[in-house]
């Protein structure tokens, strides 16, 4: 599971400007749904996804530009309470699709605008 989430963050990092370094440390993950140990039969656990059990993730991150200057850092606490009401472009069979979409939404709406704002503040010669 950790490798999958590392992959999600790597995909997003690839969208950052060239030379930027994004260090992320995930501290907590709560997957969408709830595990039912009896529904799967024969001791096989089954994850039941209902809107009651929303995905959440907590992580610390530091983003630095190509000169090593800190662009943004902090602790993020994401939860997508409406994860089942939204139309998703992510493959419906993809593992951790709700969590991936939640992260991508945050990246697009929160991080990328801050990166763009930071770039506008830089002198033209340092970009």
N, C-alpha and C. Protein backbone atom coordinates (compact mmCIF):
# COMPACT_ATOMS: atom_id res chain seq x y z
N UNK A 1 0.83 -1.19 0.00
CA UNK A 1 0.00 0.00 0.00
C UNK A 1 0.88 1.26 0.00
N UNK A 2 1.93 1.26 0.80
CA UNK A 2 2.79 2.44 0.88
C UNK A 2 3.42 2.74 -0.48
N UNK A 3 3.81 1.69 -1.21
CA UNK A 3 4.40 1.89 -2.54
C UNK A 3 3.41 2.56 -3.49
N UNK A 4 2.13 2.19 -3.38
CA UNK A 4 1.10 2.81 -4.22
C UNK A 4 1.02 4.31 -3.94
N UNK A 5 1.00 4.66 -2.65
CA UNK A 5 0.90 6.07 -2.29
C UNK A 5 2.17 6.83 -2.66
N UNK A 6 3.32 6.19 -2.52
CA UNK A 6 4.57 6.80 -2.99
C UNK A 6 4.45 7.11 -4.48
N UNK A 7 3.85 6.18 -5.21
CA UNK A 7 3.64 6.38 -6.65
C UNK A 7 2.72 7.55 -6.94
N UNK A 8 1.65 7.70 -6.15
CA UNK A 8 0.74 8.83 -6.34
C UNK A 8 1.48 10.16 -6.16
N UNK A 9 2.28 10.24 -5.09
CA UNK A 9 3.03 11.48 -4.83
C UNK A 9 4.08 11.71 -5.92
N UNK A 10 4.70 10.65 -6.41
CA UNK A 10 5.69 10.78 -7.49
C UNK A 10 5.04 11.31 -8.77
N UNK A 11 3.84 10.83 -9.08
CA UNK A 11 3.11 11.31 -10.26
C UNK A 11 2.83 12.80 -10.15
N UNK A 12 2.41 13.23 -8.97
CA UNK A 12 2.13 14.66 -8.77
C UNK A 12 3.42 15.47 -8.84
N UNK A 13 4.49 14.97 -8.23
CA UNK A 13 5.77 15.68 -8.22
C UNK A 13 6.28 15.89 -9.65
N UNK A 14 5.97 14.96 -10.54
CA UNK A 14 6.40 15.08 -11.94
C UNK A 14 5.74 16.28 -12.63
N UNK A 15 4.64 16.77 -12.07
CA UNK A 15 3.95 17.93 -12.64
C UNK A 15 4.52 19.26 -12.15
N UNK A 16 5.43 19.21 -11.19
CA UNK A 16 6.04 20.42 -10.65
C UNK A 16 7.10 20.95 -11.61
N UNK A 17 7.46 22.23 -11.47
CA UNK A 17 8.50 22.78 -12.35
C UNK A 17 9.81 22.00 -12.24
N UNK A 18 10.56 22.02 -13.31
CA UNK A 18 11.84 21.31 -13.36
C UNK A 18 12.76 21.77 -12.23
N UNK A 19 13.38 20.81 -11.57
CA UNK A 19 14.32 21.11 -10.51
C UNK A 19 13.71 21.20 -9.12
N UNK A 20 12.40 21.21 -9.03
CA UNK A 20 11.75 21.27 -7.72
C UNK A 20 11.85 19.91 -7.04
N UNK A 21 12.02 19.94 -5.73
CA UNK A 21 12.10 18.71 -4.92
C UNK A 21 10.98 18.76 -3.89
N UNK A 22 10.19 17.68 -3.84
CA UNK A 22 9.06 17.62 -2.92
C UNK A 22 9.26 16.42 -2.01
N UNK A 23 9.46 16.69 -0.74
CA UNK A 23 9.64 15.64 0.26
C UNK A 23 8.33 15.48 1.02
N UNK A 24 7.79 14.27 1.01
CA UNK A 24 6.51 13.99 1.66
C UNK A 24 6.68 12.83 2.63
N UNK A 25 6.13 13.00 3.83
CA UNK A 25 6.12 11.93 4.83
C UNK A 25 4.67 11.71 5.25
N UNK A 26 4.12 10.57 4.87
CA UNK A 26 2.74 10.24 5.24
C UNK A 26 2.74 9.75 6.68
N UNK A 27 1.86 10.34 7.49
CA UNK A 27 1.80 9.98 8.91
C UNK A 27 0.55 9.18 9.26
N UNK A 28 -0.49 9.24 8.40
CA UNK A 28 -1.70 8.48 8.68
C UNK A 28 -2.53 8.35 7.40
N UNK A 29 -3.07 7.17 7.19
CA UNK A 29 -3.96 6.92 6.06
C UNK A 29 -5.19 6.19 6.59
N UNK A 30 -6.36 6.68 6.22
CA UNK A 30 -7.62 6.01 6.54
C UNK A 30 -8.32 5.79 5.20
N UNK A 31 -8.29 4.56 4.73
CA UNK A 31 -8.85 4.24 3.42
C UNK A 31 -10.36 4.39 3.41
N UNK A 32 -10.90 4.66 2.22
CA UNK A 32 -12.35 4.70 2.06
C UNK A 32 -12.93 3.34 2.39
N UNK A 33 -14.08 3.34 3.04
CA UNK A 33 -14.73 2.09 3.37
C UNK A 33 -14.35 1.57 4.74
N UNK A 34 -14.88 0.40 5.04
CA UNK A 34 -14.64 -0.25 6.32
C UNK A 34 -14.42 -1.74 6.04
N UNK A 35 -13.56 -2.35 6.81
CA UNK A 35 -13.27 -3.77 6.61
C UNK A 35 -14.27 -4.61 7.40
N UNK A 36 -14.93 -5.53 6.70
CA UNK A 36 -15.86 -6.47 7.33
C UNK A 36 -15.22 -7.85 7.24
N UNK A 37 -14.89 -8.40 8.38
CA UNK A 37 -14.19 -9.69 8.41
C UNK A 37 -15.13 -10.88 8.22
N UNK A 38 -16.43 -10.63 8.26
CA UNK A 38 -17.39 -11.72 8.12
C UNK A 38 -18.05 -11.74 6.74
N UNK A 39 -18.10 -10.62 6.06
CA UNK A 39 -18.78 -10.54 4.76
C UNK A 39 -18.05 -11.33 3.68
N UNK A 40 -16.74 -11.44 3.77
CA UNK A 40 -15.96 -12.13 2.74
C UNK A 40 -16.05 -13.64 2.82
N UNK A 41 -16.48 -14.16 3.94
CA UNK A 41 -16.57 -15.60 4.11
C UNK A 41 -15.21 -16.25 4.24
N UNK A 42 -15.17 -17.36 4.91
CA UNK A 42 -13.94 -18.16 5.09
C UNK A 42 -12.78 -17.32 5.64
N UNK A 43 -13.11 -16.33 6.46
CA UNK A 43 -12.07 -15.52 7.08
C UNK A 43 -11.44 -14.49 6.17
N UNK A 44 -11.99 -14.31 4.97
CA UNK A 44 -11.47 -13.31 4.05
C UNK A 44 -12.12 -11.96 4.32
N UNK A 45 -11.31 -10.99 4.66
CA UNK A 45 -11.83 -9.65 4.92
C UNK A 45 -12.27 -8.99 3.61
N UNK A 46 -13.34 -8.22 3.69
CA UNK A 46 -13.88 -7.53 2.53
C UNK A 46 -14.04 -6.05 2.89
N UNK A 47 -13.54 -5.17 2.04
CA UNK A 47 -13.70 -3.74 2.29
C UNK A 47 -15.05 -3.29 1.71
N UNK A 48 -15.90 -2.78 2.59
CA UNK A 48 -17.22 -2.29 2.20
C UNK A 48 -17.13 -0.77 2.09
N UNK A 49 -17.37 -0.24 0.90
CA UNK A 49 -17.26 1.20 0.68
C UNK A 49 -18.65 1.82 0.72
N UNK A 50 -18.85 2.70 1.71
CA UNK A 50 -20.08 3.48 1.86
C UNK A 50 -19.66 4.91 2.14
N UNK A 51 -20.56 5.86 1.84
CA UNK A 51 -20.20 7.26 2.04
C UNK A 51 -19.92 7.61 3.50
N UNK A 52 -20.35 6.77 4.41
CA UNK A 52 -20.09 6.97 5.84
C UNK A 52 -18.60 6.87 6.16
N UNK A 53 -17.86 6.08 5.39
CA UNK A 53 -16.44 5.81 5.66
C UNK A 53 -15.57 6.53 4.62
N UNK A 54 -15.37 7.81 4.82
CA UNK A 54 -14.64 8.63 3.85
C UNK A 54 -13.12 8.44 3.97
N UNK A 55 -12.41 8.62 2.86
CA UNK A 55 -10.94 8.51 2.90
C UNK A 55 -10.32 9.73 3.56
N UNK A 56 -9.20 9.50 4.22
CA UNK A 56 -8.46 10.60 4.86
C UNK A 56 -6.98 10.28 4.82
N UNK A 57 -6.18 11.31 4.79
CA UNK A 57 -4.73 11.15 4.83
C UNK A 57 -4.12 12.35 5.54
N UNK A 58 -3.07 12.09 6.26
CA UNK A 58 -2.32 13.16 6.93
C UNK A 58 -0.86 13.00 6.51
N UNK A 59 -0.24 14.11 6.13
CA UNK A 59 1.16 14.05 5.73
C UNK A 59 1.85 15.39 5.98
N UNK A 60 3.15 15.31 6.15
CA UNK A 60 4.01 16.49 6.24
C UNK A 60 4.75 16.61 4.92
N UNK A 61 5.01 17.84 4.50
CA UNK A 61 5.72 18.00 3.23
C UNK A 61 6.53 19.28 3.21
N UNK A 62 7.58 19.24 2.41
CA UNK A 62 8.42 20.41 2.15
C UNK A 62 8.68 20.43 0.65
N UNK A 63 8.40 21.55 0.03
CA UNK A 63 8.67 21.73 -1.40
C UNK A 63 9.74 22.80 -1.56
N UNK A 64 10.79 22.46 -2.29
CA UNK A 64 11.89 23.40 -2.53
C UNK A 64 12.06 23.61 -4.04
N UNK A 65 12.42 24.84 -4.39
CA UNK A 65 12.66 25.13 -5.80
C UNK A 65 14.05 24.65 -6.22
N UNK A 66 14.41 24.92 -7.46
CA UNK A 66 15.68 24.40 -7.98
C UNK A 66 16.90 25.01 -7.31
N UNK A 67 16.71 26.11 -6.56
CA UNK A 67 17.81 26.74 -5.83
C UNK A 67 17.83 26.31 -4.36
N UNK A 68 16.92 25.42 -3.98
CA UNK A 68 16.85 24.95 -2.59
C UNK A 68 16.03 25.83 -1.68
N UNK A 69 15.41 26.88 -2.24
CA UNK A 69 14.56 27.76 -1.44
C UNK A 69 13.23 27.07 -1.14
N UNK A 70 12.79 27.21 0.10
CA UNK A 70 11.51 26.59 0.48
C UNK A 70 10.36 27.36 -0.16
N UNK A 71 9.54 26.63 -0.88
CA UNK A 71 8.36 27.20 -1.53
C UNK A 71 7.17 27.10 -0.59
N UNK A 72 7.00 25.94 0.00
CA UNK A 72 5.89 25.70 0.93
C UNK A 72 6.24 24.48 1.77
N UNK A 73 5.72 24.47 2.98
CA UNK A 73 5.88 23.31 3.85
C UNK A 73 4.73 23.30 4.83
N UNK A 74 4.51 22.16 5.45
CA UNK A 74 3.46 22.09 6.45
C UNK A 74 2.93 20.69 6.62
N UNK A 75 1.91 20.61 7.47
CA UNK A 75 1.19 19.36 7.69
C UNK A 75 -0.17 19.50 7.03
N UNK A 76 -0.54 18.53 6.24
CA UNK A 76 -1.84 18.53 5.57
C UNK A 76 -2.71 17.43 6.15
N UNK A 77 -3.97 17.76 6.37
CA UNK A 77 -4.96 16.79 6.86
C UNK A 77 -6.12 16.83 5.87
N UNK A 78 -6.19 15.82 5.02
CA UNK A 78 -7.22 15.78 3.99
C UNK A 78 -8.27 14.74 4.33
N UNK A 79 -9.53 15.06 4.07
CA UNK A 79 -10.63 14.11 4.18
C UNK A 79 -11.64 14.49 3.11
N UNK A 80 -12.12 13.51 2.37
CA UNK A 80 -13.09 13.76 1.30
C UNK A 80 -14.43 13.17 1.71
N UNK A 81 -15.23 14.00 2.39
CA UNK A 81 -16.54 13.55 2.88
C UNK A 81 -17.52 13.25 1.73
N UNK A 82 -17.33 13.88 0.58
CA UNK A 82 -18.24 13.68 -0.54
C UNK A 82 -17.67 12.77 -1.62
N UNK A 83 -16.80 11.86 -1.22
CA UNK A 83 -16.08 11.05 -2.21
C UNK A 83 -16.98 10.19 -3.08
N UNK A 84 -18.16 9.84 -2.62
CA UNK A 84 -19.05 8.99 -3.42
C UNK A 84 -20.05 9.80 -4.25
N UNK A 85 -20.14 11.10 -4.02
CA UNK A 85 -21.09 11.93 -4.75
C UNK A 85 -20.49 12.55 -6.00
N UNK A 86 -19.19 12.48 -6.14
CA UNK A 86 -18.53 13.14 -7.26
C UNK A 86 -18.33 12.17 -8.42
N UNK A 87 -18.42 12.73 -9.63
CA UNK A 87 -18.07 11.94 -10.81
C UNK A 87 -16.56 11.82 -10.84
N UNK A 88 -16.08 10.62 -11.06
CA UNK A 88 -14.63 10.39 -11.04
C UNK A 88 -14.14 10.04 -12.43
N UNK A 89 -13.02 10.64 -12.80
CA UNK A 89 -12.40 10.30 -14.07
C UNK A 89 -11.43 9.14 -13.91
N UNK A 90 -11.14 8.79 -12.66
CA UNK A 90 -10.20 7.71 -12.38
C UNK A 90 -10.87 6.38 -12.70
N UNK A 91 -10.10 5.45 -13.23
CA UNK A 91 -10.59 4.11 -13.55
C UNK A 91 -11.33 3.53 -12.35
N UNK A 92 -12.55 3.07 -12.54
CA UNK A 92 -13.36 2.58 -11.42
C UNK A 92 -12.81 1.31 -10.79
N UNK A 93 -11.91 0.62 -11.46
CA UNK A 93 -11.31 -0.58 -10.88
C UNK A 93 -9.94 -0.33 -10.27
N UNK A 94 -9.47 0.90 -10.32
CA UNK A 94 -8.14 1.22 -9.80
C UNK A 94 -8.13 1.14 -8.27
N UNK A 95 -7.11 0.49 -7.76
CA UNK A 95 -6.94 0.37 -6.32
C UNK A 95 -6.68 1.75 -5.72
N UNK A 96 -7.31 2.05 -4.60
CA UNK A 96 -7.16 3.32 -3.87
C UNK A 96 -7.59 4.51 -4.72
N UNK A 97 -8.58 4.33 -5.59
CA UNK A 97 -9.00 5.40 -6.50
C UNK A 97 -9.55 6.62 -5.76
N UNK A 98 -10.27 6.40 -4.65
CA UNK A 98 -10.83 7.53 -3.90
C UNK A 98 -9.72 8.35 -3.24
N UNK A 99 -8.75 7.67 -2.70
CA UNK A 99 -7.64 8.34 -2.04
C UNK A 99 -6.78 9.10 -3.07
N UNK A 100 -6.56 8.46 -4.21
CA UNK A 100 -5.77 9.10 -5.27
C UNK A 100 -6.46 10.37 -5.76
N UNK A 101 -7.77 10.29 -5.96
CA UNK A 101 -8.51 11.46 -6.44
C UNK A 101 -8.49 12.58 -5.41
N UNK A 102 -8.60 12.23 -4.13
CA UNK A 102 -8.55 13.22 -3.06
C UNK A 102 -7.20 13.95 -3.08
N UNK A 103 -6.12 13.20 -3.22
CA UNK A 103 -4.78 13.80 -3.28
C UNK A 103 -4.62 14.67 -4.53
N UNK A 104 -5.08 14.17 -5.67
CA UNK A 104 -4.95 14.93 -6.91
C UNK A 104 -5.76 16.23 -6.84
N UNK A 105 -6.95 16.17 -6.25
CA UNK A 105 -7.76 17.38 -6.09
C UNK A 105 -7.03 18.42 -5.23
N UNK A 106 -6.45 17.96 -4.12
CA UNK A 106 -5.70 18.87 -3.24
C UNK A 106 -4.51 19.47 -3.99
N UNK A 107 -3.79 18.64 -4.71
CA UNK A 107 -2.60 19.08 -5.45
C UNK A 107 -2.97 20.17 -6.45
N UNK A 108 -4.05 19.94 -7.20
CA UNK A 108 -4.48 20.87 -8.24
C UNK A 108 -5.04 22.17 -7.66
N UNK A 109 -5.82 22.06 -6.60
CA UNK A 109 -6.50 23.24 -6.04
C UNK A 109 -5.66 24.00 -5.01
N UNK A 110 -4.76 23.33 -4.33
CA UNK A 110 -4.02 23.96 -3.24
C UNK A 110 -2.54 24.17 -3.56
N UNK A 111 -1.85 23.11 -3.93
CA UNK A 111 -0.39 23.21 -4.08
C UNK A 111 0.02 23.92 -5.36
N UNK A 112 -0.54 23.51 -6.48
CA UNK A 112 -0.13 24.11 -7.76
C UNK A 112 -0.33 25.63 -7.80
N UNK A 113 -1.45 26.17 -7.31
CA UNK A 113 -1.59 27.63 -7.31
C UNK A 113 -0.52 28.33 -6.46
N UNK A 114 -0.11 27.72 -5.36
CA UNK A 114 0.93 28.31 -4.51
C UNK A 114 2.28 28.28 -5.21
N UNK A 115 2.54 27.21 -5.95
CA UNK A 115 3.78 27.11 -6.73
C UNK A 115 3.79 28.20 -7.80
N UNK A 116 2.67 28.39 -8.48
CA UNK A 116 2.58 29.42 -9.52
C UNK A 116 2.75 30.82 -8.92
N UNK A 117 2.16 31.05 -7.75
CA UNK A 117 2.28 32.34 -7.08
C UNK A 117 3.74 32.59 -6.67
N UNK A 118 4.41 31.56 -6.17
CA UNK A 118 5.82 31.67 -5.79
C UNK A 118 6.67 32.04 -7.01
N UNK A 119 6.41 31.39 -8.13
CA UNK A 119 7.18 31.64 -9.35
C UNK A 119 7.02 33.09 -9.82
N UNK A 120 5.83 33.67 -9.64
CA UNK A 120 5.59 35.05 -10.06
C UNK A 120 6.36 36.05 -9.20
N UNK A 121 6.65 35.68 -7.97
CA UNK A 121 7.36 36.57 -7.05
C UNK A 121 8.87 36.58 -7.30
N UNK A 122 9.37 35.57 -8.00
CA UNK A 122 10.82 35.48 -8.24
C UNK A 122 11.26 36.49 -9.29
N UNK A 123 12.47 37.03 -9.12
CA UNK A 123 13.02 37.87 -10.19
C UNK A 123 13.18 37.04 -11.47
N UNK A 124 13.03 37.65 -12.59
CA UNK A 124 13.09 36.93 -13.87
C UNK A 124 14.41 36.18 -14.05
N UNK A 125 15.51 36.66 -13.50
CA UNK A 125 16.80 36.00 -13.69
C UNK A 125 16.95 34.72 -12.89
N UNK A 126 16.17 34.56 -11.78
CA UNK A 126 16.34 33.35 -10.96
C UNK A 126 15.40 32.23 -11.37
N UNK A 127 14.51 32.49 -12.30
CA UNK A 127 13.59 31.44 -12.74
C UNK A 127 14.29 30.59 -13.71
